[in-house]
Amino acid sequence: MWDLEQVEAYRDGRPQPSITTGDHEQDLLDRREAAALLGVKPRSVDSYKTDAGLAEHVVVVGGAEHWPRAVLLAYSAGRGVMSSPSGRPKGSGDMVPRDLLPSRIAELLDAEPAVTTARLVEVLGISVPTAQRHLVQERAARIVALMRTEPDLAAEAAAQRLGYPAAVRRGAVKAAQELVEAP
């Protein structure tokens, strides 16, 4: 990868400056590099990237999302990403009884429509798959409820009105449509 100074030198036929080595705060990292930096799997970065701390700093290069190294490090420090694995430790008990999960998730969704799976894992102490499943179900139920009060409203428009981020809308809309079509 070349920086701007190297590209300009090549274009102008000048000797190219040496490639800088080491890590720099402005380095743009893709999801795999971000995952390696954060000490998580790439799919974890997929759930983190909707968080405002990362979403507002995304840079699309060649059709792929990238984040500045400094932003990833700040995000990690603020969220404790590097110090704790995702999900619950094996064998740990439920922090929130399963029958109370829907109401607790509803409370978090009321407070922040764009609440992330990572936030549910952090607050409720549930696994990532459980958080994802329940969050999609709750969002879908809210979409259906809004569509029932406004029969001309499409599922996508309802999801948008409820404030769901574009990154999670598709799954919530699909689940809502399945709820509407169920007998």
N, C-alpha and C. Protein backbone atom coordinates (compact mmCIF):
# COMPACT_ATOMS: atom_id res chain seq x y z
N MET A 1 0.85 -1.17 0.00
CA MET A 1 0.00 0.00 0.00
C MET A 1 0.90 1.23 0.00
N TRP A 2 0.57 2.20 -0.79
CA TRP A 2 1.35 3.42 -0.90
C TRP A 2 0.58 4.57 -0.27
N ASP A 3 1.34 5.50 0.29
CA ASP A 3 0.67 6.69 0.79
C ASP A 3 0.68 7.75 -0.31
N LEU A 4 0.05 8.87 -0.06
CA LEU A 4 -0.11 9.91 -1.08
C LEU A 4 1.24 10.42 -1.58
N GLU A 5 2.19 10.59 -0.68
CA GLU A 5 3.51 11.09 -1.07
C GLU A 5 4.19 10.13 -2.05
N GLN A 6 4.05 8.83 -1.84
CA GLN A 6 4.65 7.84 -2.74
C GLN A 6 3.96 7.82 -4.10
N VAL A 7 2.65 7.95 -4.09
CA VAL A 7 1.88 7.96 -5.34
C VAL A 7 2.26 9.19 -6.17
N GLU A 8 2.35 10.33 -5.53
CA GLU A 8 2.72 11.55 -6.25
C GLU A 8 4.13 11.45 -6.80
N ALA A 9 5.06 10.87 -6.05
CA ALA A 9 6.43 10.71 -6.52
C ALA A 9 6.47 9.80 -7.74
N TYR A 10 5.72 8.73 -7.72
CA TYR A 10 5.65 7.80 -8.85
C TYR A 10 5.08 8.50 -10.07
N ARG A 11 3.98 9.24 -9.87
CA ARG A 11 3.33 9.96 -10.96
C ARG A 11 4.26 10.99 -11.58
N ASP A 12 5.02 11.68 -10.76
CA ASP A 12 5.90 12.74 -11.23
C ASP A 12 7.27 12.24 -11.68
N GLY A 13 7.51 10.92 -11.60
CA GLY A 13 8.78 10.35 -12.02
C GLY A 13 9.92 10.64 -11.07
N ARG A 14 9.61 11.02 -9.84
CA ARG A 14 10.65 11.27 -8.83
C ARG A 14 10.96 9.97 -8.09
N PRO A 15 12.08 9.91 -7.40
CA PRO A 15 12.38 8.73 -6.57
C PRO A 15 11.31 8.60 -5.50
N GLN A 16 10.90 7.38 -5.27
CA GLN A 16 9.84 7.16 -4.28
C GLN A 16 10.41 7.14 -2.87
N PRO A 17 9.76 7.85 -1.98
CA PRO A 17 10.19 7.80 -0.57
C PRO A 17 10.01 6.37 -0.05
N SER A 18 10.74 6.03 0.96
CA SER A 18 10.62 4.68 1.50
C SER A 18 9.25 4.49 2.12
N ILE A 19 8.83 3.25 2.10
CA ILE A 19 7.54 2.91 2.71
C ILE A 19 7.70 2.98 4.21
N THR A 20 6.77 3.67 4.84
CA THR A 20 6.84 3.79 6.30
C THR A 20 6.53 2.45 6.93
N THR A 21 7.16 2.19 8.04
CA THR A 21 6.91 0.94 8.75
C THR A 21 6.28 1.25 10.08
N GLY A 22 5.73 0.23 10.67
CA GLY A 22 5.10 0.40 11.97
C GLY A 22 3.64 0.79 11.84
N ASP A 23 3.01 0.83 12.98
CA ASP A 23 1.59 1.17 13.03
C ASP A 23 1.42 2.67 13.21
N HIS A 24 0.46 3.23 12.49
CA HIS A 24 0.17 4.65 12.59
C HIS A 24 -1.31 4.83 12.89
N GLU A 25 -1.63 5.87 13.64
CA GLU A 25 -3.01 6.11 14.04
C GLU A 25 -3.94 6.27 12.86
N GLN A 26 -3.47 6.82 11.75
CA GLN A 26 -4.33 7.08 10.60
C GLN A 26 -4.46 5.87 9.67
N ASP A 27 -3.75 4.77 9.94
CA ASP A 27 -3.88 3.57 9.11
C ASP A 27 -5.34 3.15 9.04
N LEU A 28 -5.81 2.82 7.84
CA LEU A 28 -7.17 2.34 7.66
C LEU A 28 -7.14 0.82 7.67
N LEU A 29 -7.94 0.22 8.55
CA LEU A 29 -7.97 -1.23 8.69
C LEU A 29 -9.31 -1.78 8.23
N ASP A 30 -9.28 -2.87 7.46
CA ASP A 30 -10.53 -3.51 7.05
C ASP A 30 -11.06 -4.36 8.21
N ARG A 31 -12.17 -5.08 7.99
CA ARG A 31 -12.79 -5.80 9.10
C ARG A 31 -11.91 -6.90 9.65
N ARG A 32 -11.15 -7.58 8.81
CA ARG A 32 -10.25 -8.64 9.31
C ARG A 32 -9.11 -8.04 10.12
N GLU A 33 -8.54 -6.96 9.62
CA GLU A 33 -7.47 -6.30 10.37
C GLU A 33 -8.00 -5.69 11.66
N ALA A 34 -9.20 -5.13 11.60
CA ALA A 34 -9.82 -4.57 12.81
C ALA A 34 -10.06 -5.68 13.84
N ALA A 35 -10.54 -6.82 13.37
CA ALA A 35 -10.78 -7.95 14.28
C ALA A 35 -9.48 -8.39 14.94
N ALA A 36 -8.40 -8.47 14.15
CA ALA A 36 -7.11 -8.88 14.72
C ALA A 36 -6.65 -7.86 15.77
N LEU A 37 -6.82 -6.58 15.48
CA LEU A 37 -6.42 -5.53 16.42
C LEU A 37 -7.23 -5.62 17.72
N LEU A 38 -8.54 -5.88 17.58
CA LEU A 38 -9.43 -5.93 18.73
C LEU A 38 -9.39 -7.27 19.46
N GLY A 39 -8.77 -8.27 18.82
CA GLY A 39 -8.70 -9.59 19.45
C GLY A 39 -10.01 -10.34 19.39
N VAL A 40 -10.78 -10.12 18.32
CA VAL A 40 -12.07 -10.79 18.15
C VAL A 40 -12.13 -11.41 16.76
N LYS A 41 -13.21 -12.12 16.47
CA LYS A 41 -13.42 -12.68 15.15
C LYS A 41 -14.01 -11.61 14.23
N PRO A 42 -13.77 -11.72 12.91
CA PRO A 42 -14.30 -10.72 11.98
C PRO A 42 -15.81 -10.52 12.10
N ARG A 43 -16.55 -11.57 12.39
CA ARG A 43 -18.01 -11.39 12.49
C ARG A 43 -18.39 -10.53 13.69
N SER A 44 -17.52 -10.46 14.71
CA SER A 44 -17.78 -9.56 15.83
C SER A 44 -17.70 -8.11 15.38
N VAL A 45 -16.77 -7.83 14.48
CA VAL A 45 -16.64 -6.47 13.94
C VAL A 45 -17.93 -6.09 13.21
N ASP A 46 -18.57 -7.07 12.57
CA ASP A 46 -19.84 -6.80 11.88
C ASP A 46 -20.89 -6.28 12.84
N SER A 47 -20.90 -6.79 14.08
CA SER A 47 -21.88 -6.28 15.05
C SER A 47 -21.41 -4.97 15.68
N TYR A 48 -20.11 -4.79 15.85
CA TYR A 48 -19.60 -3.55 16.43
C TYR A 48 -19.78 -2.36 15.50
N LYS A 49 -19.72 -2.59 14.20
CA LYS A 49 -19.66 -1.47 13.25
C LYS A 49 -20.91 -0.61 13.21
N THR A 50 -22.02 -1.11 13.77
CA THR A 50 -23.24 -0.29 13.82
C THR A 50 -23.22 0.66 15.01
N ASP A 51 -22.30 0.45 15.94
CA ASP A 51 -22.16 1.32 17.10
C ASP A 51 -21.69 2.70 16.61
N ALA A 52 -22.25 3.74 17.17
CA ALA A 52 -21.92 5.10 16.73
C ALA A 52 -20.43 5.39 16.83
N GLY A 53 -19.75 4.79 17.80
CA GLY A 53 -18.32 5.01 17.95
C GLY A 53 -17.52 4.58 16.74
N LEU A 54 -18.03 3.62 15.97
CA LEU A 54 -17.36 3.17 14.75
C LEU A 54 -18.08 3.64 13.50
N ALA A 55 -19.41 3.64 13.54
CA ALA A 55 -20.20 3.95 12.34
C ALA A 55 -19.88 5.33 11.77
N GLU A 56 -19.64 6.30 12.63
CA GLU A 56 -19.39 7.66 12.13
C GLU A 56 -17.98 7.84 11.57
N HIS A 57 -17.13 6.83 11.73
CA HIS A 57 -15.75 6.94 11.25
C HIS A 57 -15.44 5.99 10.09
N VAL A 58 -16.44 5.28 9.61
CA VAL A 58 -16.19 4.30 8.54
C VAL A 58 -15.75 5.02 7.26
N VAL A 59 -14.79 4.42 6.57
CA VAL A 59 -14.29 4.94 5.30
C VAL A 59 -14.38 3.78 4.31
N VAL A 60 -15.08 3.98 3.21
CA VAL A 60 -15.22 2.92 2.21
C VAL A 60 -14.12 3.09 1.17
N VAL A 61 -13.30 2.06 1.05
CA VAL A 61 -12.19 2.05 0.11
C VAL A 61 -12.35 0.82 -0.77
N GLY A 62 -12.50 1.03 -2.06
CA GLY A 62 -12.65 -0.10 -2.98
C GLY A 62 -13.87 -0.95 -2.65
N GLY A 63 -14.90 -0.34 -2.12
CA GLY A 63 -16.13 -1.06 -1.78
C GLY A 63 -16.08 -1.77 -0.44
N ALA A 64 -14.97 -1.69 0.29
CA ALA A 64 -14.84 -2.35 1.59
C ALA A 64 -14.76 -1.31 2.71
N GLU A 65 -15.39 -1.59 3.81
CA GLU A 65 -15.37 -0.67 4.95
C GLU A 65 -14.02 -0.77 5.67
N HIS A 66 -13.53 0.39 6.08
CA HIS A 66 -12.28 0.50 6.83
C HIS A 66 -12.49 1.50 7.96
N TRP A 67 -11.67 1.36 9.02
CA TRP A 67 -11.71 2.28 10.14
C TRP A 67 -10.28 2.68 10.49
N PRO A 68 -10.09 3.94 10.88
CA PRO A 68 -8.76 4.37 11.32
C PRO A 68 -8.34 3.59 12.58
N ARG A 69 -7.07 3.23 12.63
CA ARG A 69 -6.53 2.48 13.77
C ARG A 69 -6.84 3.19 15.08
N ALA A 70 -6.66 4.51 15.12
CA ALA A 70 -6.90 5.27 16.35
C ALA A 70 -8.34 5.14 16.82
N VAL A 71 -9.28 5.15 15.88
CA VAL A 71 -10.70 5.02 16.23
C VAL A 71 -10.97 3.63 16.82
N LEU A 72 -10.39 2.60 16.22
CA LEU A 72 -10.57 1.24 16.74
C LEU A 72 -9.98 1.10 18.13
N LEU A 73 -8.82 1.68 18.35
CA LEU A 73 -8.20 1.60 19.67
C LEU A 73 -9.02 2.35 20.72
N ALA A 74 -9.56 3.52 20.34
CA ALA A 74 -10.40 4.28 21.27
C ALA A 74 -11.69 3.52 21.56
N TYR A 75 -12.27 2.93 20.53
CA TYR A 75 -13.49 2.14 20.71
C TYR A 75 -13.22 0.97 21.67
N SER A 76 -12.11 0.29 21.44
CA SER A 76 -11.74 -0.84 22.27
C SER A 76 -11.54 -0.43 23.72
N ALA A 77 -10.85 0.68 23.93
CA ALA A 77 -10.60 1.15 25.29
C ALA A 77 -11.89 1.54 25.99
N GLY A 78 -12.80 2.16 25.25
CA GLY A 78 -14.06 2.60 25.83
C GLY A 78 -15.04 1.48 26.10
N ARG A 79 -14.93 0.41 25.36
CA ARG A 79 -15.88 -0.69 25.49
C ARG A 79 -15.26 -1.92 26.15
N GLY A 80 -13.96 -1.91 26.34
CA GLY A 80 -13.32 -3.08 26.93
C GLY A 80 -13.30 -4.27 26.00
N VAL A 81 -13.34 -4.03 24.68
CA VAL A 81 -13.41 -5.12 23.70
C VAL A 81 -12.23 -6.06 23.83
N MET A 82 -11.01 -5.51 23.94
CA MET A 82 -9.83 -6.36 23.94
C MET A 82 -9.69 -7.16 25.22
N SER A 83 -10.29 -6.68 26.31
CA SER A 83 -10.09 -7.35 27.58
C SER A 83 -11.11 -8.43 27.87
N SER A 84 -12.16 -8.53 27.08
CA SER A 84 -13.16 -9.54 27.39
C SER A 84 -13.65 -10.22 26.12
N PRO A 85 -13.81 -11.54 26.16
CA PRO A 85 -14.32 -12.25 25.00
C PRO A 85 -15.80 -11.96 24.81
N SER A 86 -16.30 -12.21 23.59
CA SER A 86 -17.72 -11.98 23.36
C SER A 86 -18.53 -13.10 23.99
N GLY A 87 -19.76 -12.77 24.32
CA GLY A 87 -20.63 -13.78 24.92
C GLY A 87 -20.30 -14.02 26.38
N ARG A 88 -20.91 -15.04 26.93
CA ARG A 88 -20.70 -15.36 28.33
C ARG A 88 -19.66 -16.46 28.46
N PRO A 89 -19.00 -16.51 29.58
CA PRO A 89 -18.07 -17.62 29.80
C PRO A 89 -18.86 -18.93 29.86
N LYS A 90 -18.24 -19.99 29.38
CA LYS A 90 -18.89 -21.30 29.41
C LYS A 90 -19.23 -21.65 30.85
N GLY A 91 -20.44 -22.17 31.03
CA GLY A 91 -20.87 -22.62 32.35
C GLY A 91 -21.43 -21.53 33.24
N SER A 92 -21.44 -20.30 32.78
CA SER A 92 -21.98 -19.24 33.63
C SER A 92 -23.50 -19.30 33.63
N GLY A 93 -24.08 -18.88 34.72
CA GLY A 93 -25.53 -18.89 34.83
C GLY A 93 -26.15 -17.69 34.15
N ASP A 94 -27.46 -17.69 34.06
CA ASP A 94 -28.16 -16.57 33.45
C ASP A 94 -28.11 -15.36 34.38
N MET A 95 -27.66 -14.22 33.83
CA MET A 95 -27.73 -12.99 34.61
C MET A 95 -29.17 -12.51 34.64
N VAL A 96 -29.89 -12.74 33.54
CA VAL A 96 -31.29 -12.38 33.43
C VAL A 96 -32.04 -13.66 33.09
N PRO A 97 -33.03 -14.03 33.91
CA PRO A 97 -33.80 -15.24 33.58
C PRO A 97 -34.40 -15.14 32.17
N ARG A 98 -34.41 -16.26 31.46
CA ARG A 98 -34.86 -16.27 30.06
C ARG A 98 -36.26 -15.70 29.87
N ASP A 99 -37.14 -15.91 30.83
CA ASP A 99 -38.51 -15.39 30.67
C ASP A 99 -38.57 -13.87 30.80
N LEU A 100 -37.55 -13.25 31.36
CA LEU A 100 -37.52 -11.80 31.48
C LEU A 100 -36.77 -11.11 30.34
N LEU A 101 -36.11 -11.91 29.51
CA LEU A 101 -35.32 -11.33 28.42
C LEU A 101 -36.13 -10.42 27.50
N PRO A 102 -37.30 -10.86 27.00
CA PRO A 102 -38.03 -9.98 26.08
C PRO A 102 -38.33 -8.60 26.68
N SER A 103 -38.72 -8.55 27.94
CA SER A 103 -39.05 -7.25 28.54
C SER A 103 -37.80 -6.41 28.76
N ARG A 104 -36.68 -7.03 29.14
CA ARG A 104 -35.44 -6.28 29.33
C ARG A 104 -34.92 -5.75 28.00
N ILE A 105 -35.03 -6.57 26.95
CA ILE A 105 -34.60 -6.13 25.62
C ILE A 105 -35.50 -5.00 25.13
N ALA A 106 -36.81 -5.12 25.41
CA ALA A 106 -37.75 -4.06 25.03
C ALA A 106 -37.38 -2.74 25.70
N GLU A 107 -36.97 -2.79 26.97
CA GLU A 107 -36.55 -1.58 27.68
C GLU A 107 -35.34 -0.95 27.01
N LEU A 108 -34.36 -1.78 26.66
CA LEU A 108 -33.16 -1.26 26.01
C LEU A 108 -33.48 -0.69 24.63
N LEU A 109 -34.40 -1.34 23.92
CA LEU A 109 -34.81 -0.87 22.60
C LEU A 109 -35.61 0.43 22.70
N ASP A 110 -36.41 0.57 23.77
CA ASP A 110 -37.14 1.83 24.00
C ASP A 110 -36.16 2.98 24.20
N ALA A 111 -35.11 2.71 24.95
CA ALA A 111 -34.12 3.75 25.25
C ALA A 111 -33.26 4.09 24.04
N GLU A 112 -32.98 3.09 23.19
CA GLU A 112 -32.10 3.29 22.03
C GLU A 112 -32.51 2.34 20.91
N PRO A 113 -33.28 2.83 19.91
CA PRO A 113 -33.72 1.96 18.82
C PRO A 113 -32.57 1.30 18.06
N ALA A 114 -31.39 1.91 18.08
CA ALA A 114 -30.23 1.36 17.38
C ALA A 114 -29.35 0.53 18.31
N VAL A 115 -29.90 0.08 19.44
CA VAL A 115 -29.11 -0.71 20.38
C VAL A 115 -28.48 -1.91 19.65
N THR A 116 -27.25 -2.22 20.00
CA THR A 116 -26.52 -3.27 19.31
C THR A 116 -26.57 -4.58 20.07
N THR A 117 -26.28 -5.64 19.35
CA THR A 117 -26.18 -6.96 19.96
C THR A 117 -25.10 -6.94 21.03
N ALA A 118 -23.98 -6.28 20.72
CA ALA A 118 -22.88 -6.21 21.68
C ALA A 118 -23.33 -5.56 22.98
N ARG A 119 -24.18 -4.55 22.88
CA ARG A 119 -24.69 -3.89 24.09
C ARG A 119 -25.57 -4.83 24.90
N LEU A 120 -26.42 -5.62 24.23
CA LEU A 120 -27.25 -6.58 24.93
C LEU A 120 -26.40 -7.61 25.66
N VAL A 121 -25.37 -8.08 24.98
CA VAL A 121 -24.46 -9.06 25.59
C VAL A 121 -23.83 -8.45 26.84
N GLU A 122 -23.39 -7.21 26.73
CA GLU A 122 -22.73 -6.52 27.85
C GLU A 122 -23.68 -6.31 29.02
N VAL A 123 -24.88 -5.81 28.75
CA VAL A 123 -25.81 -5.45 29.81
C VAL A 123 -26.52 -6.66 30.40
N LEU A 124 -26.94 -7.57 29.55
CA LEU A 124 -27.77 -8.69 30.00
C LEU A 124 -26.99 -9.96 30.27
N GLY A 125 -25.73 -10.02 29.81
CA GLY A 125 -24.93 -11.20 30.05
C GLY A 125 -25.40 -12.43 29.29
N ILE A 126 -25.95 -12.21 28.09
CA ILE A 126 -26.43 -13.31 27.27
C ILE A 126 -25.45 -13.54 26.13
N SER A 127 -25.60 -14.66 25.47
CA SER A 127 -24.70 -14.96 24.35
C SER A 127 -25.07 -14.10 23.13
N VAL A 128 -24.13 -13.99 22.22
CA VAL A 128 -24.35 -13.21 21.01
C VAL A 128 -25.53 -13.77 20.21
N PRO A 129 -25.60 -15.09 19.95
CA PRO A 129 -26.74 -15.60 19.17
C PRO A 129 -28.09 -15.34 19.85
N THR A 130 -28.12 -15.47 21.18
CA THR A 130 -29.37 -15.21 21.91
C THR A 130 -29.75 -13.74 21.78
N ALA A 131 -28.78 -12.86 21.92
CA ALA A 131 -29.05 -11.42 21.79
C ALA A 131 -29.56 -11.09 20.40
N GLN A 132 -28.91 -11.64 19.38
CA GLN A 132 -29.32 -11.37 17.99
C GLN A 132 -30.75 -11.85 17.75
N ARG A 133 -31.03 -13.08 18.17
CA ARG A 133 -32.36 -13.66 17.94
C ARG A 133 -33.46 -12.83 18.62
N HIS A 134 -33.25 -12.50 19.90
CA HIS A 134 -34.27 -11.75 20.63
C HIS A 134 -34.43 -10.32 20.11
N LEU A 135 -33.33 -9.71 19.71
CA LEU A 135 -33.40 -8.34 19.20
C LEU A 135 -34.17 -8.29 17.89
N VAL A 136 -33.93 -9.25 17.00
CA VAL A 136 -34.68 -9.31 15.73
C VAL A 136 -36.16 -9.54 16.02
N GLN A 137 -36.46 -10.45 16.96
CA GLN A 137 -37.86 -10.74 17.29
C GLN A 137 -38.58 -9.52 17.84
N GLU A 138 -37.93 -8.80 18.73
CA GLU A 138 -38.55 -7.61 19.33
C GLU A 138 -38.75 -6.50 18.30
N ARG A 139 -37.74 -6.31 17.46
CA ARG A 139 -37.90 -5.29 16.41
C ARG A 139 -39.02 -5.67 15.45
N ALA A 140 -39.10 -6.94 15.08
CA ALA A 140 -40.15 -7.41 14.17
C ALA A 140 -41.53 -7.20 14.79
N ALA A 141 -41.67 -7.52 16.07
CA ALA A 141 -42.95 -7.35 16.75
C ALA A 141 -43.38 -5.88 16.75
N ARG A 142 -42.43 -4.99 16.92
CA ARG A 142 -42.75 -3.56 16.91
C ARG A 142 -43.13 -3.06 15.52
N ILE A 143 -42.47 -3.60 14.51
CA ILE A 143 -42.82 -3.25 13.13
C ILE A 143 -44.25 -3.68 12.84
N VAL A 144 -44.58 -4.92 13.20
CA VAL A 144 -45.94 -5.45 12.97
C VAL A 144 -46.96 -4.61 13.72
N ALA A 145 -46.68 -4.26 14.98
CA ALA A 145 -47.62 -3.45 15.77
C ALA A 145 -47.87 -2.10 15.10
N LEU A 146 -46.82 -1.47 14.59
CA LEU A 146 -46.99 -0.18 13.91
C LEU A 146 -47.77 -0.35 12.61
N MET A 147 -47.52 -1.43 11.89
CA MET A 147 -48.24 -1.69 10.64
C MET A 147 -49.73 -1.94 10.90
N ARG A 148 -50.03 -2.53 12.04
CA ARG A 148 -51.44 -2.78 12.37
C ARG A 148 -52.17 -1.48 12.73
N THR A 149 -51.46 -0.53 13.32
CA THR A 149 -52.10 0.75 13.63
C THR A 149 -52.21 1.64 12.39
N GLU A 150 -51.31 1.39 11.42
CA GLU A 150 -51.34 2.13 10.16
C GLU A 150 -51.29 1.13 9.00
N PRO A 151 -52.44 0.60 8.60
CA PRO A 151 -52.49 -0.48 7.61
C PRO A 151 -51.82 -0.18 6.26
N ASP A 152 -51.69 1.08 5.87
CA ASP A 152 -51.06 1.41 4.59
C ASP A 152 -49.53 1.50 4.69
N LEU A 153 -49.00 1.34 5.88
CA LEU A 153 -47.56 1.47 6.10
C LEU A 153 -46.84 0.16 5.75
N ALA A 154 -45.82 0.24 4.92
CA ALA A 154 -45.02 -0.93 4.56
C ALA A 154 -44.04 -1.24 5.69
N ALA A 155 -43.59 -2.48 5.73
CA ALA A 155 -42.69 -2.93 6.79
C ALA A 155 -41.39 -2.12 6.80
N GLU A 156 -40.82 -1.88 5.64
CA GLU A 156 -39.57 -1.12 5.55
C GLU A 156 -39.75 0.30 6.10
N ALA A 157 -40.86 0.93 5.75
CA ALA A 157 -41.15 2.28 6.23
C ALA A 157 -41.37 2.28 7.74
N ALA A 158 -42.02 1.25 8.24
CA ALA A 158 -42.25 1.13 9.68
C ALA A 158 -40.91 1.00 10.41
N ALA A 159 -40.02 0.18 9.89
CA ALA A 159 -38.70 -0.01 10.50
C ALA A 159 -37.93 1.30 10.52
N GLN A 160 -38.03 2.03 9.43
CA GLN A 160 -37.33 3.31 9.35
C GLN A 160 -37.92 4.29 10.36
N ARG A 161 -39.22 4.34 10.44
CA ARG A 161 -39.88 5.26 11.38
C ARG A 161 -39.54 4.91 12.83
N LEU A 162 -39.35 3.62 13.11
CA LEU A 162 -39.00 3.20 14.46
C LEU A 162 -37.54 3.51 14.80
N GLY A 163 -36.79 3.95 13.82
CA GLY A 163 -35.41 4.37 14.07
C GLY A 163 -34.39 3.26 14.01
N TYR A 164 -34.72 2.16 13.34
CA TYR A 164 -33.78 1.05 13.24
C TYR A 164 -32.73 1.37 12.20
N PRO A 165 -31.47 1.15 12.52
CA PRO A 165 -30.39 1.42 11.56
C PRO A 165 -30.54 0.57 10.30
N ALA A 166 -30.10 1.11 9.19
CA ALA A 166 -30.20 0.40 7.92
C ALA A 166 -29.56 -0.98 7.98
N ALA A 167 -28.49 -1.11 8.74
CA ALA A 167 -27.76 -2.38 8.82
C ALA A 167 -28.60 -3.50 9.42
N VAL A 168 -29.59 -3.18 10.24
CA VAL A 168 -30.39 -4.23 10.88
C VAL A 168 -31.82 -4.29 10.35
N ARG A 169 -32.18 -3.32 9.53
CA ARG A 169 -33.56 -3.25 9.04
C ARG A 169 -33.99 -4.49 8.26
N ARG A 170 -33.11 -4.98 7.37
CA ARG A 170 -33.50 -6.10 6.51
C ARG A 170 -33.94 -7.31 7.31
N GLY A 171 -33.16 -7.67 8.33
CA GLY A 171 -33.51 -8.83 9.15
C GLY A 171 -34.80 -8.61 9.92
N ALA A 172 -34.98 -7.41 10.45
CA ALA A 172 -36.19 -7.10 11.21
C ALA A 172 -37.42 -7.08 10.30
N VAL A 173 -37.27 -6.52 9.10
CA VAL A 173 -38.39 -6.46 8.15
C VAL A 173 -38.78 -7.87 7.70
N LYS A 174 -37.79 -8.69 7.41
CA LYS A 174 -38.06 -10.08 7.00
C LYS A 174 -38.80 -10.83 8.11
N ALA A 175 -38.35 -10.69 9.35
CA ALA A 175 -39.01 -11.35 10.47
C ALA A 175 -40.42 -10.81 10.66
N ALA A 176 -40.61 -9.51 10.46
CA ALA A 176 -41.94 -8.92 10.58
C ALA A 176 -42.89 -9.47 9.52
N GLN A 177 -42.39 -9.57 8.29
CA GLN A 177 -43.21 -10.12 7.20
C GLN A 177 -43.60 -11.56 7.48
N GLU A 178 -42.69 -12.33 8.06
CA GLU A 178 -43.01 -13.71 8.43
C GLU A 178 -44.07 -13.75 9.52
N LEU A 179 -44.02 -12.80 10.47
CA LEU A 179 -45.05 -12.74 11.51
C LEU A 179 -46.41 -12.42 10.92
N VAL A 180 -46.43 -11.49 9.98
CA VAL A 180 -47.70 -11.09 9.35
C VAL A 180 -48.30 -12.24 8.54
N GLU A 181 -47.44 -13.00 7.88
CA GLU A 181 -47.90 -14.10 7.02
C GLU A 181 -48.25 -15.36 7.79
N ALA A 182 -47.79 -15.47 9.06
CA ALA A 182 -48.05 -16.67 9.85
C ALA A 182 -49.54 -16.78 10.15
N PRO A 183 -50.05 -18.01 10.17
CA PRO A 183 -51.49 -18.17 10.42
C PRO A 183 -51.89 -17.82 11.83
